[in-house]
């Protein structure tokens, strides 16, 4: 988002992402903490499936980008981190993630280092 952009925000509850062919593309910002990643990871997988299908055959979906912000105490508590890194590698520039850790005491593995911020 740029300064003064209009955004829609949804916290908790019953939500989903189901774009239809012909819909205008939207850019998603997903924000998760701890196990709250579960429903957002499902959305991320759905977007990846649509991107993969779109690149393979074309399905009429116009997809924007997805930026995931995911926070946990330490990198061992970041669920699905290897899957998320894999999606970022499969769809560079389309799916990105910033991990944030608040109580990391050990060295962060090299694979995660470029994507992790925190104390």
N, C-alpha and C. Protein backbone atom coordinates (compact mmCIF):
# COMPACT_ATOMS: atom_id res chain seq x y z
N UNK A 1 0.84 -1.18 0.00
CA UNK A 1 0.00 0.00 0.00
C UNK A 1 0.88 1.24 0.00
N UNK A 2 0.39 2.23 -0.59
CA UNK A 2 1.07 3.52 -0.58
C UNK A 2 0.34 4.43 0.41
N UNK A 3 0.99 5.48 0.82
CA UNK A 3 0.39 6.45 1.72
C UNK A 3 -0.94 6.90 1.16
N UNK A 4 -1.96 6.93 1.98
CA UNK A 4 -3.32 7.33 1.63
C UNK A 4 -4.09 6.30 0.81
N UNK A 5 -3.56 5.08 0.71
CA UNK A 5 -4.30 4.02 0.02
C UNK A 5 -5.48 3.59 0.87
N UNK A 6 -6.55 3.17 0.22
CA UNK A 6 -7.69 2.62 0.92
C UNK A 6 -7.50 1.12 1.03
N UNK A 7 -7.70 0.58 2.22
CA UNK A 7 -7.56 -0.85 2.44
C UNK A 7 -8.77 -1.36 3.20
N UNK A 8 -9.06 -2.65 3.00
CA UNK A 8 -10.12 -3.31 3.78
C UNK A 8 -9.41 -4.21 4.79
N UNK A 9 -9.89 -4.23 6.00
CA UNK A 9 -9.27 -5.01 7.06
C UNK A 9 -10.31 -5.92 7.68
N UNK A 10 -9.92 -7.17 7.88
CA UNK A 10 -10.84 -8.13 8.49
C UNK A 10 -10.07 -8.86 9.58
N UNK A 11 -10.61 -8.90 10.78
CA UNK A 11 -9.96 -9.56 11.89
C UNK A 11 -10.86 -10.68 12.38
N UNK A 12 -10.33 -11.92 12.37
CA UNK A 12 -11.06 -13.06 12.91
C UNK A 12 -12.37 -13.33 12.20
N UNK A 13 -13.10 -14.27 12.75
CA UNK A 13 -14.42 -14.58 12.23
C UNK A 13 -14.39 -15.48 11.01
N UNK A 14 -15.46 -15.49 10.28
CA UNK A 14 -15.65 -16.33 9.11
C UNK A 14 -15.22 -15.55 7.87
N UNK A 15 -14.08 -15.93 7.30
CA UNK A 15 -13.60 -15.23 6.12
C UNK A 15 -12.98 -16.22 5.15
N UNK A 16 -12.89 -15.81 3.89
CA UNK A 16 -12.32 -16.66 2.86
C UNK A 16 -11.89 -15.78 1.70
N UNK A 17 -11.13 -16.35 0.77
CA UNK A 17 -10.71 -15.65 -0.43
C UNK A 17 -11.07 -16.53 -1.61
N UNK A 18 -12.03 -16.08 -2.40
CA UNK A 18 -12.52 -16.88 -3.51
C UNK A 18 -12.72 -16.00 -4.75
N UNK A 19 -11.61 -15.59 -5.38
CA UNK A 19 -11.76 -14.75 -6.58
C UNK A 19 -12.39 -15.54 -7.72
N UNK A 20 -13.16 -14.85 -8.52
CA UNK A 20 -13.83 -15.48 -9.65
C UNK A 20 -13.18 -15.01 -10.95
N UNK A 21 -13.23 -15.85 -11.99
CA UNK A 21 -12.69 -15.41 -13.28
C UNK A 21 -13.34 -14.09 -13.70
N UNK A 22 -12.53 -13.19 -14.17
CA UNK A 22 -13.04 -11.89 -14.59
C UNK A 22 -13.02 -10.83 -13.51
N UNK A 23 -12.85 -11.23 -12.23
CA UNK A 23 -12.73 -10.24 -11.15
C UNK A 23 -11.45 -9.43 -11.36
N UNK A 24 -11.47 -8.19 -10.92
CA UNK A 24 -10.25 -7.38 -10.95
C UNK A 24 -9.24 -7.97 -9.99
N UNK A 25 -7.96 -7.89 -10.32
CA UNK A 25 -6.94 -8.44 -9.40
C UNK A 25 -6.87 -7.62 -8.12
N UNK A 26 -6.62 -8.30 -7.03
CA UNK A 26 -6.43 -7.64 -5.74
C UNK A 26 -5.10 -8.09 -5.16
N UNK A 27 -4.47 -7.18 -4.44
CA UNK A 27 -3.25 -7.51 -3.71
C UNK A 27 -3.65 -7.80 -2.27
N UNK A 28 -3.17 -8.92 -1.75
CA UNK A 28 -3.51 -9.32 -0.39
C UNK A 28 -2.34 -9.07 0.56
N UNK A 29 -2.65 -8.60 1.74
CA UNK A 29 -1.71 -8.53 2.84
C UNK A 29 -2.29 -9.40 3.94
N UNK A 30 -1.59 -10.48 4.26
CA UNK A 30 -2.04 -11.41 5.30
C UNK A 30 -1.15 -11.24 6.51
N UNK A 31 -1.76 -11.09 7.69
CA UNK A 31 -1.01 -10.87 8.92
C UNK A 31 -1.40 -11.95 9.91
N UNK A 32 -0.39 -12.71 10.36
CA UNK A 32 -0.66 -13.83 11.27
C UNK A 32 0.30 -13.84 12.43
N UNK A 33 -0.16 -14.39 13.54
CA UNK A 33 0.68 -14.60 14.71
C UNK A 33 0.45 -16.01 15.23
N UNK A 34 1.55 -16.72 15.47
CA UNK A 34 1.46 -18.07 16.03
C UNK A 34 0.60 -19.00 15.21
N UNK A 35 -0.29 -19.74 15.89
CA UNK A 35 -1.14 -20.70 15.20
C UNK A 35 -2.23 -20.03 14.37
N UNK A 36 -2.35 -18.71 14.47
CA UNK A 36 -3.29 -17.96 13.64
C UNK A 36 -2.95 -18.04 12.16
N UNK A 37 -1.83 -18.65 11.83
CA UNK A 37 -1.42 -18.83 10.45
C UNK A 37 -2.33 -19.81 9.71
N UNK A 38 -2.97 -20.72 10.41
CA UNK A 38 -3.72 -21.80 9.76
C UNK A 38 -4.69 -21.35 8.67
N UNK A 39 -5.65 -20.48 8.95
CA UNK A 39 -6.57 -20.09 7.87
C UNK A 39 -5.87 -19.27 6.79
N UNK A 40 -4.88 -18.49 7.16
CA UNK A 40 -4.17 -17.68 6.18
C UNK A 40 -3.27 -18.53 5.30
N UNK A 41 -2.73 -19.61 5.85
CA UNK A 41 -1.94 -20.54 5.04
C UNK A 41 -2.83 -21.20 3.99
N UNK A 42 -4.05 -21.50 4.35
CA UNK A 42 -5.00 -22.06 3.37
C UNK A 42 -5.25 -21.07 2.23
N UNK A 43 -5.41 -19.81 2.56
CA UNK A 43 -5.59 -18.78 1.53
C UNK A 43 -4.35 -18.71 0.65
N UNK A 44 -3.17 -18.75 1.26
CA UNK A 44 -1.92 -18.71 0.52
C UNK A 44 -1.80 -19.89 -0.44
N UNK A 45 -2.17 -21.08 0.01
CA UNK A 45 -2.15 -22.26 -0.86
C UNK A 45 -3.14 -22.12 -2.02
N UNK A 46 -4.30 -21.56 -1.74
CA UNK A 46 -5.30 -21.35 -2.78
C UNK A 46 -4.78 -20.39 -3.85
N UNK A 47 -4.16 -19.31 -3.42
CA UNK A 47 -3.58 -18.35 -4.36
C UNK A 47 -2.48 -19.02 -5.19
N UNK A 48 -1.64 -19.83 -4.54
CA UNK A 48 -0.57 -20.54 -5.25
C UNK A 48 -1.17 -21.49 -6.29
N UNK A 49 -2.22 -22.19 -5.93
CA UNK A 49 -2.89 -23.08 -6.88
C UNK A 49 -3.42 -22.30 -8.08
N UNK A 50 -4.03 -21.16 -7.82
CA UNK A 50 -4.55 -20.34 -8.91
C UNK A 50 -3.42 -19.81 -9.79
N UNK A 51 -2.32 -19.38 -9.18
CA UNK A 51 -1.16 -18.92 -9.95
C UNK A 51 -0.62 -20.06 -10.82
N UNK A 52 -0.49 -21.23 -10.24
CA UNK A 52 0.03 -22.38 -10.98
C UNK A 52 -0.88 -22.78 -12.13
N UNK A 53 -2.17 -22.76 -11.87
CA UNK A 53 -3.14 -23.13 -12.90
C UNK A 53 -3.15 -22.07 -14.01
N UNK A 54 -3.07 -20.81 -13.58
CA UNK A 54 -3.09 -19.71 -14.54
C UNK A 54 -1.88 -19.78 -15.46
N UNK A 55 -0.71 -20.10 -14.91
CA UNK A 55 0.50 -20.19 -15.72
C UNK A 55 0.44 -21.40 -16.65
N UNK A 56 -0.21 -22.47 -16.20
CA UNK A 56 -0.28 -23.69 -17.01
C UNK A 56 -1.27 -23.61 -18.15
N UNK A 57 -2.49 -23.21 -17.85
CA UNK A 57 -3.54 -23.28 -18.87
C UNK A 57 -4.28 -21.96 -19.06
N UNK A 58 -4.26 -21.16 -18.07
CA UNK A 58 -5.07 -19.94 -18.12
C UNK A 58 -6.47 -20.28 -17.66
N UNK A 59 -6.97 -19.52 -16.71
CA UNK A 59 -8.30 -19.82 -16.18
C UNK A 59 -9.16 -18.58 -16.02
N UNK A 60 -8.71 -17.46 -16.57
CA UNK A 60 -9.49 -16.24 -16.46
C UNK A 60 -9.29 -15.47 -15.18
N UNK A 61 -8.56 -16.03 -14.21
CA UNK A 61 -8.29 -15.32 -12.98
C UNK A 61 -7.17 -14.31 -13.20
N UNK A 62 -7.39 -13.11 -12.71
CA UNK A 62 -6.35 -12.09 -12.72
C UNK A 62 -5.93 -11.90 -11.28
N UNK A 63 -4.73 -12.35 -10.96
CA UNK A 63 -4.30 -12.36 -9.57
C UNK A 63 -3.30 -11.25 -9.29
N UNK A 64 -3.41 -10.68 -8.11
CA UNK A 64 -2.44 -9.70 -7.65
C UNK A 64 -1.35 -10.41 -6.87
N UNK A 65 -0.71 -9.68 -6.00
CA UNK A 65 0.36 -10.23 -5.18
C UNK A 65 -0.15 -10.55 -3.78
N UNK A 66 0.60 -11.39 -3.08
CA UNK A 66 0.30 -11.71 -1.69
C UNK A 66 1.54 -11.43 -0.86
N UNK A 67 1.37 -10.66 0.20
CA UNK A 67 2.45 -10.38 1.14
C UNK A 67 1.99 -10.92 2.49
N UNK A 68 2.74 -11.88 3.03
CA UNK A 68 2.41 -12.48 4.32
C UNK A 68 3.37 -11.94 5.37
N UNK A 69 2.81 -11.44 6.46
CA UNK A 69 3.58 -11.05 7.64
C UNK A 69 3.21 -12.05 8.73
N UNK A 70 4.21 -12.74 9.25
CA UNK A 70 3.95 -13.84 10.18
C UNK A 70 4.90 -13.73 11.35
N UNK A 71 4.36 -13.66 12.56
CA UNK A 71 5.15 -13.48 13.76
C UNK A 71 4.99 -14.65 14.72
N UNK A 72 6.08 -15.00 15.38
CA UNK A 72 6.08 -16.03 16.42
C UNK A 72 7.21 -15.72 17.40
N UNK A 73 7.25 -16.47 18.49
CA UNK A 73 8.31 -16.26 19.48
C UNK A 73 9.69 -16.51 18.90
N UNK A 74 9.81 -17.60 18.13
CA UNK A 74 11.10 -17.95 17.53
C UNK A 74 10.84 -18.73 16.24
N UNK A 75 11.89 -18.99 15.50
CA UNK A 75 11.71 -19.63 14.19
C UNK A 75 11.18 -21.05 14.30
N UNK A 76 11.43 -21.72 15.42
CA UNK A 76 10.90 -23.08 15.56
C UNK A 76 9.38 -23.08 15.70
N UNK A 77 8.80 -21.96 16.08
CA UNK A 77 7.35 -21.85 16.22
C UNK A 77 6.67 -21.30 14.96
N UNK A 78 7.44 -21.04 13.92
CA UNK A 78 6.86 -20.58 12.65
C UNK A 78 6.36 -21.81 11.89
N UNK A 79 5.06 -22.06 11.98
CA UNK A 79 4.48 -23.22 11.30
C UNK A 79 4.54 -23.03 9.79
N UNK A 80 4.70 -24.11 9.07
CA UNK A 80 4.68 -24.12 7.60
C UNK A 80 5.79 -23.29 6.96
N UNK A 81 6.85 -22.95 7.72
CA UNK A 81 7.87 -22.06 7.17
C UNK A 81 8.53 -22.61 5.92
N UNK A 82 8.82 -23.91 5.88
CA UNK A 82 9.44 -24.49 4.69
C UNK A 82 8.49 -24.46 3.50
N UNK A 83 7.21 -24.70 3.75
CA UNK A 83 6.21 -24.62 2.68
C UNK A 83 6.09 -23.18 2.15
N UNK A 84 6.11 -22.22 3.06
CA UNK A 84 6.00 -20.82 2.67
C UNK A 84 7.22 -20.40 1.85
N UNK A 85 8.41 -20.81 2.28
CA UNK A 85 9.62 -20.52 1.51
C UNK A 85 9.53 -21.14 0.12
N UNK A 86 9.01 -22.35 0.04
CA UNK A 86 8.84 -23.01 -1.25
C UNK A 86 7.90 -22.25 -2.17
N UNK A 87 6.80 -21.73 -1.62
CA UNK A 87 5.86 -20.96 -2.43
C UNK A 87 6.49 -19.66 -2.92
N UNK A 88 7.30 -19.02 -2.05
CA UNK A 88 7.98 -17.80 -2.47
C UNK A 88 8.95 -18.09 -3.61
N UNK A 89 9.62 -19.24 -3.56
CA UNK A 89 10.55 -19.61 -4.63
C UNK A 89 9.82 -19.97 -5.92
N UNK A 90 8.67 -20.61 -5.80
CA UNK A 90 7.89 -20.99 -6.98
C UNK A 90 7.26 -19.79 -7.68
N UNK A 91 6.89 -18.78 -6.89
CA UNK A 91 6.18 -17.62 -7.43
C UNK A 91 6.86 -16.33 -6.97
N UNK A 92 8.12 -16.11 -7.40
CA UNK A 92 8.86 -14.93 -6.96
C UNK A 92 8.16 -13.64 -7.38
N UNK A 93 8.07 -12.72 -6.44
CA UNK A 93 7.41 -11.45 -6.71
C UNK A 93 5.90 -11.50 -6.59
N UNK A 94 5.34 -12.69 -6.66
CA UNK A 94 3.88 -12.83 -6.54
C UNK A 94 3.49 -13.19 -5.11
N UNK A 95 4.34 -14.02 -4.46
CA UNK A 95 4.11 -14.41 -3.07
C UNK A 95 5.39 -14.08 -2.30
N UNK A 96 5.26 -13.22 -1.29
CA UNK A 96 6.41 -12.87 -0.44
C UNK A 96 6.01 -12.98 1.02
N UNK A 97 7.01 -13.11 1.87
CA UNK A 97 6.74 -13.25 3.30
C UNK A 97 7.84 -12.58 4.10
N UNK A 98 7.43 -11.96 5.19
CA UNK A 98 8.34 -11.45 6.21
C UNK A 98 7.98 -12.16 7.51
N UNK A 99 8.94 -12.91 8.03
CA UNK A 99 8.76 -13.55 9.34
C UNK A 99 9.30 -12.59 10.39
N UNK A 100 8.64 -12.56 11.54
CA UNK A 100 9.12 -11.74 12.66
C UNK A 100 9.17 -12.62 13.89
N UNK A 101 10.29 -12.59 14.58
CA UNK A 101 10.42 -13.35 15.82
C UNK A 101 10.67 -12.38 16.97
N UNK A 102 10.08 -12.69 18.13
CA UNK A 102 10.14 -11.78 19.26
C UNK A 102 11.08 -12.24 20.37
N UNK A 103 11.39 -13.56 20.41
CA UNK A 103 12.22 -14.07 21.50
C UNK A 103 13.25 -15.08 21.01
N UNK A 104 13.81 -14.85 19.84
CA UNK A 104 14.79 -15.77 19.27
C UNK A 104 16.07 -15.74 20.10
N UNK A 105 16.53 -16.91 20.55
CA UNK A 105 17.75 -17.00 21.35
C UNK A 105 18.88 -17.69 20.57
N UNK A 106 18.53 -18.49 19.59
CA UNK A 106 19.54 -19.23 18.82
C UNK A 106 19.75 -18.59 17.46
N UNK A 107 20.78 -19.06 16.78
CA UNK A 107 21.10 -18.58 15.43
C UNK A 107 19.95 -18.94 14.47
N UNK A 108 19.63 -18.04 13.59
CA UNK A 108 18.60 -18.28 12.58
C UNK A 108 19.25 -18.95 11.39
N UNK A 109 18.64 -20.05 10.90
CA UNK A 109 19.23 -20.78 9.78
C UNK A 109 19.34 -19.88 8.55
N UNK A 110 20.33 -20.16 7.72
CA UNK A 110 20.62 -19.31 6.56
C UNK A 110 19.45 -19.19 5.61
N UNK A 111 18.68 -20.27 5.47
CA UNK A 111 17.54 -20.27 4.56
C UNK A 111 16.50 -19.22 4.96
N UNK A 112 16.32 -19.03 6.26
CA UNK A 112 15.33 -18.08 6.76
C UNK A 112 15.86 -16.66 6.95
N UNK A 113 17.17 -16.52 7.15
CA UNK A 113 17.74 -15.23 7.51
C UNK A 113 17.28 -14.04 6.69
N UNK A 114 17.24 -14.16 5.35
CA UNK A 114 16.83 -12.97 4.58
C UNK A 114 15.38 -12.55 4.81
N UNK A 115 14.59 -13.41 5.41
CA UNK A 115 13.16 -13.15 5.55
C UNK A 115 12.73 -12.89 6.99
N UNK A 116 13.69 -12.88 7.94
CA UNK A 116 13.35 -12.77 9.35
C UNK A 116 13.82 -11.42 9.92
N UNK A 117 12.92 -10.81 10.69
CA UNK A 117 13.27 -9.64 11.47
C UNK A 117 12.95 -9.95 12.93
N UNK A 118 13.45 -9.16 13.84
CA UNK A 118 13.11 -9.35 15.24
C UNK A 118 14.24 -8.99 16.15
N UNK A 119 14.04 -9.32 17.41
CA UNK A 119 15.00 -8.98 18.46
C UNK A 119 16.18 -9.93 18.43
